Amino acid sequence: MGPLGESLFCFLSMSIHRQIFTQQYEIGRYGRRQEEILVEHRMMAMIASKDGRRPPQPVQT
């Protein structure tokens, strides 16, 4: 492939990756909306603070 083909290929794969990433972010990792996950984290943090433990950290993938 020439330099033009390579840059085109890079651009295409980048845009595809971005599309997939935004779709996954909008859906959320567990097929739920992001707000529900945030609310759940908040509730878990409140329960944990009542128990005297540290709030659980969101899992980084």
PDB file of N, CA and C in Angstrom:
ATOM      1  N   MET A   1       0.845  -1.209   0.000  1.00  0.00           N
ATOM      2  CA  MET A   1       0.000   0.000   0.000  1.00  0.00           C
ATOM      3  C   MET A   1       0.876   1.253   0.000  1.00  0.00           C
ATOM      4  N   GLY A   2       0.426   2.250  -0.729  1.00  0.00           N
ATOM      5  CA  GLY A   2       1.133   3.528  -0.725  1.00  0.00           C
ATOM      6  C   GLY A   2       0.782   4.337   0.503  1.00  0.00           C
ATOM      7  N   PRO A   3       1.398   5.501   0.676  1.00  0.00           N
ATOM      8  CA  PRO A   3       1.114   6.331   1.860  1.00  0.00           C
ATOM      9  C   PRO A   3      -0.338   6.783   1.914  1.00  0.00           C
ATOM     10  N   LEU A   4      -0.946   7.011   0.740  1.00  0.00           N
ATOM     11  CA  LEU A   4      -2.347   7.441   0.732  1.00  0.00           C
ATOM     12  C   LEU A   4      -3.244   6.321   1.257  1.00  0.00           C
ATOM     13  N   GLY A   5      -2.994   5.112   0.773  1.00  0.00           N
ATOM     14  CA  GLY A   5      -3.793   3.973   1.233  1.00  0.00           C
ATOM     15  C   GLY A   5      -3.640   3.736   2.721  1.00  0.00           C
ATOM     16  N   GLU A   6      -2.393   3.866   3.216  1.00  0.00           N
ATOM     17  CA  GLU A   6      -2.161   3.640   4.641  1.00  0.00           C
ATOM     18  C   GLU A   6      -2.894   4.664   5.493  1.00  0.00           C
ATOM     19  N   SER A   7      -2.831   5.948   5.099  1.00  0.00           N
ATOM     20  CA  SER A   7      -3.503   6.976   5.891  1.00  0.00           C
ATOM     21  C   SER A   7      -5.020   6.774   5.843  1.00  0.00           C
ATOM     22  N   LEU A   8      -5.541   6.363   4.688  1.00  0.00           N
ATOM     23  CA  LEU A   8      -6.978   6.100   4.563  1.00  0.00           C
ATOM     24  C   LEU A   8      -7.373   4.950   5.485  1.00  0.00           C
ATOM     25  N   PHE A   9      -6.554   3.893   5.471  1.00  0.00           N
ATOM     26  CA  PHE A   9      -6.827   2.739   6.333  1.00  0.00           C
ATOM     27  C   PHE A   9      -6.801   3.136   7.800  1.00  0.00           C
ATOM     28  N   CYS A  10      -5.808   3.938   8.190  1.00  0.00           N
ATOM     29  CA  CYS A  10      -5.714   4.408   9.580  1.00  0.00           C
ATOM     30  C   CYS A  10      -6.965   5.204   9.952  1.00  0.00           C
ATOM     31  N   PHE A  11      -7.374   6.102   9.066  1.00  0.00           N
ATOM     32  CA  PHE A  11      -8.538   6.940   9.333  1.00  0.00           C
ATOM     33  C   PHE A  11      -9.790   6.091   9.510  1.00  0.00           C
ATOM     34  N   LEU A  12      -9.959   5.104   8.621  1.00  0.00           N
ATOM     35  CA  LEU A  12     -11.138   4.244   8.701  1.00  0.00           C
ATOM     36  C   LEU A  12     -11.160   3.455  10.003  1.00  0.00           C
ATOM     37  N   SER A  13     -10.037   2.839  10.356  1.00  0.00           N
ATOM     38  CA  SER A  13     -10.019   2.026  11.574  1.00  0.00           C
ATOM     39  C   SER A  13     -10.231   2.915  12.802  1.00  0.00           C
ATOM     40  N   MET A  14      -9.675   4.132  12.789  1.00  0.00           N
ATOM     41  CA  MET A  14      -9.881   5.050  13.911  1.00  0.00           C
ATOM     42  C   MET A  14     -11.361   5.389  14.062  1.00  0.00           C
ATOM     43  N   SER A  15     -12.015   5.734  12.950  1.00  0.00           N
ATOM     44  CA  SER A  15     -13.422   6.128  13.038  1.00  0.00           C
ATOM     45  C   SER A  15     -14.284   4.949  13.476  1.00  0.00           C
ATOM     46  N   ILE A  16     -13.947   3.751  13.007  1.00  0.00           N
ATOM     47  CA  ILE A  16     -14.710   2.568  13.413  1.00  0.00           C
ATOM     48  C   ILE A  16     -14.548   2.336  14.911  1.00  0.00           C
ATOM     49  N   HIS A  17     -13.300   2.438  15.406  1.00  0.00           N
ATOM     50  CA  HIS A  17     -13.059   2.253  16.833  1.00  0.00           C
ATOM     51  C   HIS A  17     -13.827   3.289  17.649  1.00  0.00           C
ATOM     52  N   ARG A  18     -13.827   4.543  17.178  1.00  0.00           N
ATOM     53  CA  ARG A  18     -14.529   5.601  17.906  1.00  0.00           C
ATOM     54  C   ARG A  18     -16.021   5.295  17.946  1.00  0.00           C
ATOM     55  N   GLN A  19     -16.566   4.826  16.813  1.00  0.00           N
ATOM     56  CA  GLN A  19     -17.992   4.508  16.749  1.00  0.00           C
ATOM     57  C   GLN A  19     -18.334   3.414  17.753  1.00  0.00           C
ATOM     58  N   ILE A  20     -17.521   2.352  17.752  1.00  0.00           N
ATOM     59  CA  ILE A  20     -17.775   1.240  18.671  1.00  0.00           C
ATOM     60  C   ILE A  20     -17.683   1.728  20.109  1.00  0.00           C
ATOM     61  N   PHE A  21     -16.675   2.554  20.404  1.00  0.00           N
ATOM     62  CA  PHE A  21     -16.480   3.040  21.776  1.00  0.00           C
ATOM     63  C   PHE A  21     -17.679   3.856  22.235  1.00  0.00           C
ATOM     64  N   THR A  22     -18.158   4.775  21.375  1.00  0.00           N
ATOM     65  CA  THR A  22     -19.288   5.614  21.790  1.00  0.00           C
ATOM     66  C   THR A  22     -20.541   4.765  21.964  1.00  0.00           C
ATOM     67  N   GLN A  23     -20.737   3.782  21.089  1.00  0.00           N
ATOM     68  CA  GLN A  23     -21.908   2.904  21.235  1.00  0.00           C
ATOM     69  C   GLN A  23     -21.847   2.154  22.557  1.00  0.00           C
ATOM     70  N   GLN A  24     -20.675   1.590  22.887  1.00  0.00           N
ATOM     71  CA  GLN A  24     -20.536   0.854  24.138  1.00  0.00           C
ATOM     72  C   GLN A  24     -20.759   1.779  25.328  1.00  0.00           C
ATOM     73  N   TYR A  25     -20.255   3.014  25.229  1.00  0.00           N
ATOM     74  CA  TYR A  25     -20.415   3.953  26.344  1.00  0.00           C
ATOM     75  C   TYR A  25     -21.887   4.304  26.544  1.00  0.00           C
ATOM     76  N   GLU A  26     -22.602   4.526  25.434  1.00  0.00           N
ATOM     77  CA  GLU A  26     -24.014   4.901  25.549  1.00  0.00           C
ATOM     78  C   GLU A  26     -24.837   3.751  26.109  1.00  0.00           C
ATOM     79  N   ILE A  27     -24.569   2.548  25.632  1.00  0.00           N
ATOM     80  CA  ILE A  27     -25.332   1.390  26.108  1.00  0.00           C
ATOM     81  C   ILE A  27     -24.940   1.060  27.537  1.00  0.00           C
ATOM     82  N   GLY A  28     -23.668   1.265  27.878  1.00  0.00           N
ATOM     83  CA  GLY A  28     -23.176   0.824  29.177  1.00  0.00           C
ATOM     84  C   GLY A  28     -22.683  -0.608  29.055  1.00  0.00           C
ATOM     85  N   ARG A  29     -21.814  -0.995  29.961  1.00  0.00           N
ATOM     86  CA  ARG A  29     -21.187  -2.314  29.830  1.00  0.00           C
ATOM     87  C   ARG A  29     -22.185  -3.439  29.998  1.00  0.00           C
ATOM     88  N   TYR A  30     -23.261  -3.217  30.769  1.00  0.00           N
ATOM     89  CA  TYR A  30     -24.163  -4.321  31.092  1.00  0.00           C
ATOM     90  C   TYR A  30     -25.512  -4.164  30.388  1.00  0.00           C
ATOM     91  N   GLY A  31     -25.508  -3.446  29.270  1.00  0.00           N
ATOM     92  CA  GLY A  31     -26.747  -3.290  28.527  1.00  0.00           C
ATOM     93  C   GLY A  31     -27.722  -2.334  29.184  1.00  0.00           C
ATOM     94  N   ARG A  32     -27.237  -1.541  30.141  1.00  0.00           N
ATOM     95  CA  ARG A  32     -28.089  -0.544  30.784  1.00  0.00           C
ATOM     96  C   ARG A  32     -27.569   0.837  30.454  1.00  0.00           C
ATOM     97  N   ARG A  33     -28.386   1.844  30.742  1.00  0.00           N
ATOM     98  CA  ARG A  33     -27.940   3.214  30.474  1.00  0.00           C
ATOM     99  C   ARG A  33     -26.931   3.641  31.523  1.00  0.00           C
ATOM    100  N   GLN A  34     -26.104   4.595  31.151  1.00  0.00           N
ATOM    101  CA  GLN A  34     -25.018   5.033  32.022  1.00  0.00           C
ATOM    102  C   GLN A  34     -25.550   5.644  33.324  1.00  0.00           C
ATOM    103  N   GLU A  35     -26.688   6.350  33.241  1.00  0.00           N
ATOM    104  CA  GLU A  35     -27.232   6.996  34.440  1.00  0.00           C
ATOM    105  C   GLU A  35     -27.594   5.946  35.497  1.00  0.00           C
ATOM    106  N   GLU A  36     -28.193   4.831  35.054  1.00  0.00           N
ATOM    107  CA  GLU A  36     -28.589   3.797  36.002  1.00  0.00           C
ATOM    108  C   GLU A  36     -27.373   3.238  36.714  1.00  0.00           C
ATOM    109  N   ILE A  37     -26.287   3.051  35.967  1.00  0.00           N
ATOM    110  CA  ILE A  37     -25.062   2.525  36.573  1.00  0.00           C
ATOM    111  C   ILE A  37     -24.527   3.517  37.593  1.00  0.00           C
ATOM    112  N   LEU A  38     -24.566   4.817  37.247  1.00  0.00           N
ATOM    113  CA  LEU A  38     -24.073   5.837  38.175  1.00  0.00           C
ATOM    114  C   LEU A  38     -24.921   5.863  39.439  1.00  0.00           C
ATOM    115  N   VAL A  39     -26.240   5.778  39.282  1.00  0.00           N
ATOM    116  CA  VAL A  39     -27.129   5.780  40.447  1.00  0.00           C
ATOM    117  C   VAL A  39     -26.823   4.574  41.321  1.00  0.00           C
ATOM    118  N   GLU A  40     -26.604   3.423  40.672  1.00  0.00           N
ATOM    119  CA  GLU A  40     -26.306   2.209  41.425  1.00  0.00           C
ATOM    120  C   GLU A  40     -25.008   2.372  42.211  1.00  0.00           C
ATOM    121  N   HIS A  41     -23.986   2.968  41.572  1.00  0.00           N
ATOM    122  CA  HIS A  41     -22.718   3.201  42.260  1.00  0.00           C
ATOM    123  C   HIS A  41     -22.934   4.107  43.470  1.00  0.00           C
ATOM    124  N   ARG A  42     -23.761   5.144  43.293  1.00  0.00           N
ATOM    125  CA  ARG A  42     -24.020   6.062  44.399  1.00  0.00           C
ATOM    126  C   ARG A  42     -24.694   5.330  45.565  1.00  0.00           C
ATOM    127  N   MET A  43     -25.691   4.496  45.233  1.00  0.00           N
ATOM    128  CA  MET A  43     -26.390   3.746  46.270  1.00  0.00           C
ATOM    129  C   MET A  43     -25.422   2.815  47.005  1.00  0.00           C
ATOM    130  N   MET A  44     -24.576   2.115  46.237  1.00  0.00           N
ATOM    131  CA  MET A  44     -23.603   1.210  46.836  1.00  0.00           C
ATOM    132  C   MET A  44     -22.648   1.981  47.749  1.00  0.00           C
ATOM    133  N   ALA A  45     -22.254   3.189  47.307  1.00  0.00           N
ATOM    134  CA  ALA A  45     -21.343   4.004  48.114  1.00  0.00           C
ATOM    135  C   ALA A  45     -22.011   4.418  49.423  1.00  0.00           C
ATOM    136  N   MET A  46     -23.306   4.779  49.352  1.00  0.00           N
ATOM    137  CA  MET A  46     -24.029   5.174  50.556  1.00  0.00           C
ATOM    138  C   MET A  46     -24.130   4.006  51.527  1.00  0.00           C
ATOM    139  N   ILE A  47     -24.468   2.830  51.006  1.00  0.00           N
ATOM    140  CA  ILE A  47     -24.584   1.638  51.857  1.00  0.00           C
ATOM    141  C   ILE A  47     -23.235   1.321  52.496  1.00  0.00           C
ATOM    142  N   ALA A  48     -22.164   1.418  51.684  1.00  0.00           N
ATOM    143  CA  ALA A  48     -20.826   1.095  52.188  1.00  0.00           C
ATOM    144  C   ALA A  48     -20.410   2.084  53.278  1.00  0.00           C
ATOM    145  N   SER A  49     -20.758   3.359  53.107  1.00  0.00           N
ATOM    146  CA  SER A  49     -20.368   4.353  54.109  1.00  0.00           C
ATOM    147  C   SER A  49     -21.156   4.122  55.406  1.00  0.00           C
ATOM    148  N   LYS A  50     -22.399   3.625  55.300  1.00  0.00           N
ATOM    149  CA  LYS A  50     -23.152   3.282  56.505  1.00  0.00           C
ATOM    150  C   LYS A  50     -22.496   2.115  57.227  1.00  0.00           C
ATOM    151  N   ASP A  51     -21.985   1.163  56.454  1.00  0.00           N
ATOM    152  CA  ASP A  51     -21.320   0.000  57.043  1.00  0.00           C
ATOM    153  C   ASP A  51     -19.936   0.354  57.580  1.00  0.00           C
ATOM    154  N   GLY A  52     -19.425   1.541  57.259  1.00  0.00           N
ATOM    155  CA  GLY A  52     -18.112   1.944  57.722  1.00  0.00           C
ATOM    156  C   GLY A  52     -16.991   1.451  56.816  1.00  0.00           C
ATOM    157  N   ARG A  53     -17.347   1.000  55.618  1.00  0.00           N
ATOM    158  CA  ARG A  53     -16.315   0.580  54.665  1.00  0.00           C
ATOM    159  C   ARG A  53     -16.127   1.667  53.630  1.00  0.00           C
ATOM    160  N   ARG A  54     -15.042   1.546  52.867  1.00  0.00           N
ATOM    161  CA  ARG A  54     -14.822   2.501  51.781  1.00  0.00           C
ATOM    162  C   ARG A  54     -15.780   2.206  50.647  1.00  0.00           C
ATOM    163  N   PRO A  55     -16.258   3.241  49.920  1.00  0.00           N
ATOM    164  CA  PRO A  55     -17.130   2.992  48.768  1.00  0.00           C
ATOM    165  C   PRO A  55     -16.389   2.223  47.693  1.00  0.00           C
ATOM    166  N   PRO A  56     -17.059   1.278  47.024  1.00  0.00           N
ATOM    167  CA  PRO A  56     -16.402   0.505  45.968  1.00  0.00           C
ATOM    168  C   PRO A  56     -16.057   1.380  44.777  1.00  0.00           C
ATOM    169  N   GLN A  57     -14.886   1.158  44.233  1.00  0.00           N
ATOM    170  CA  GLN A  57     -14.464   1.916  43.049  1.00  0.00           C
ATOM    171  C   GLN A  57     -15.044   1.271  41.801  1.00  0.00           C
ATOM    172  N   PRO A  58     -15.492   2.070  40.821  1.00  0.00           N
ATOM    173  CA  PRO A  58     -15.951   1.498  39.551  1.00  0.00           C
ATOM    174  C   PRO A  58     -14.814   0.729  38.886  1.00  0.00           C
ATOM    175  N   VAL A  59     -15.131  -0.429  38.338  1.00  0.00           N
ATOM    176  CA  VAL A  59     -14.107  -1.299  37.763  1.00  0.00           C
ATOM    177  C   VAL A  59     -13.596  -0.697  36.466  1.00  0.00           C
ATOM    178  N   GLN A  60     -12.285  -0.564  36.355  1.00  0.00           N
ATOM    179  CA  GLN A  60     -11.676  -0.076  35.113  1.00  0.00           C
ATOM    180  C   GLN A  60     -11.409  -1.258  34.193  1.00  0.00           C
ATOM    181  N   THR A  61     -11.808  -1.145  32.967  1.00  0.00           N
ATOM    182  CA  THR A  61     -11.561  -2.228  32.012  1.00  0.00           C
ATOM    183  C   THR A  61     -10.394  -1.861  31.130  1.00  0.00           C
TER     184      THR A  61
END
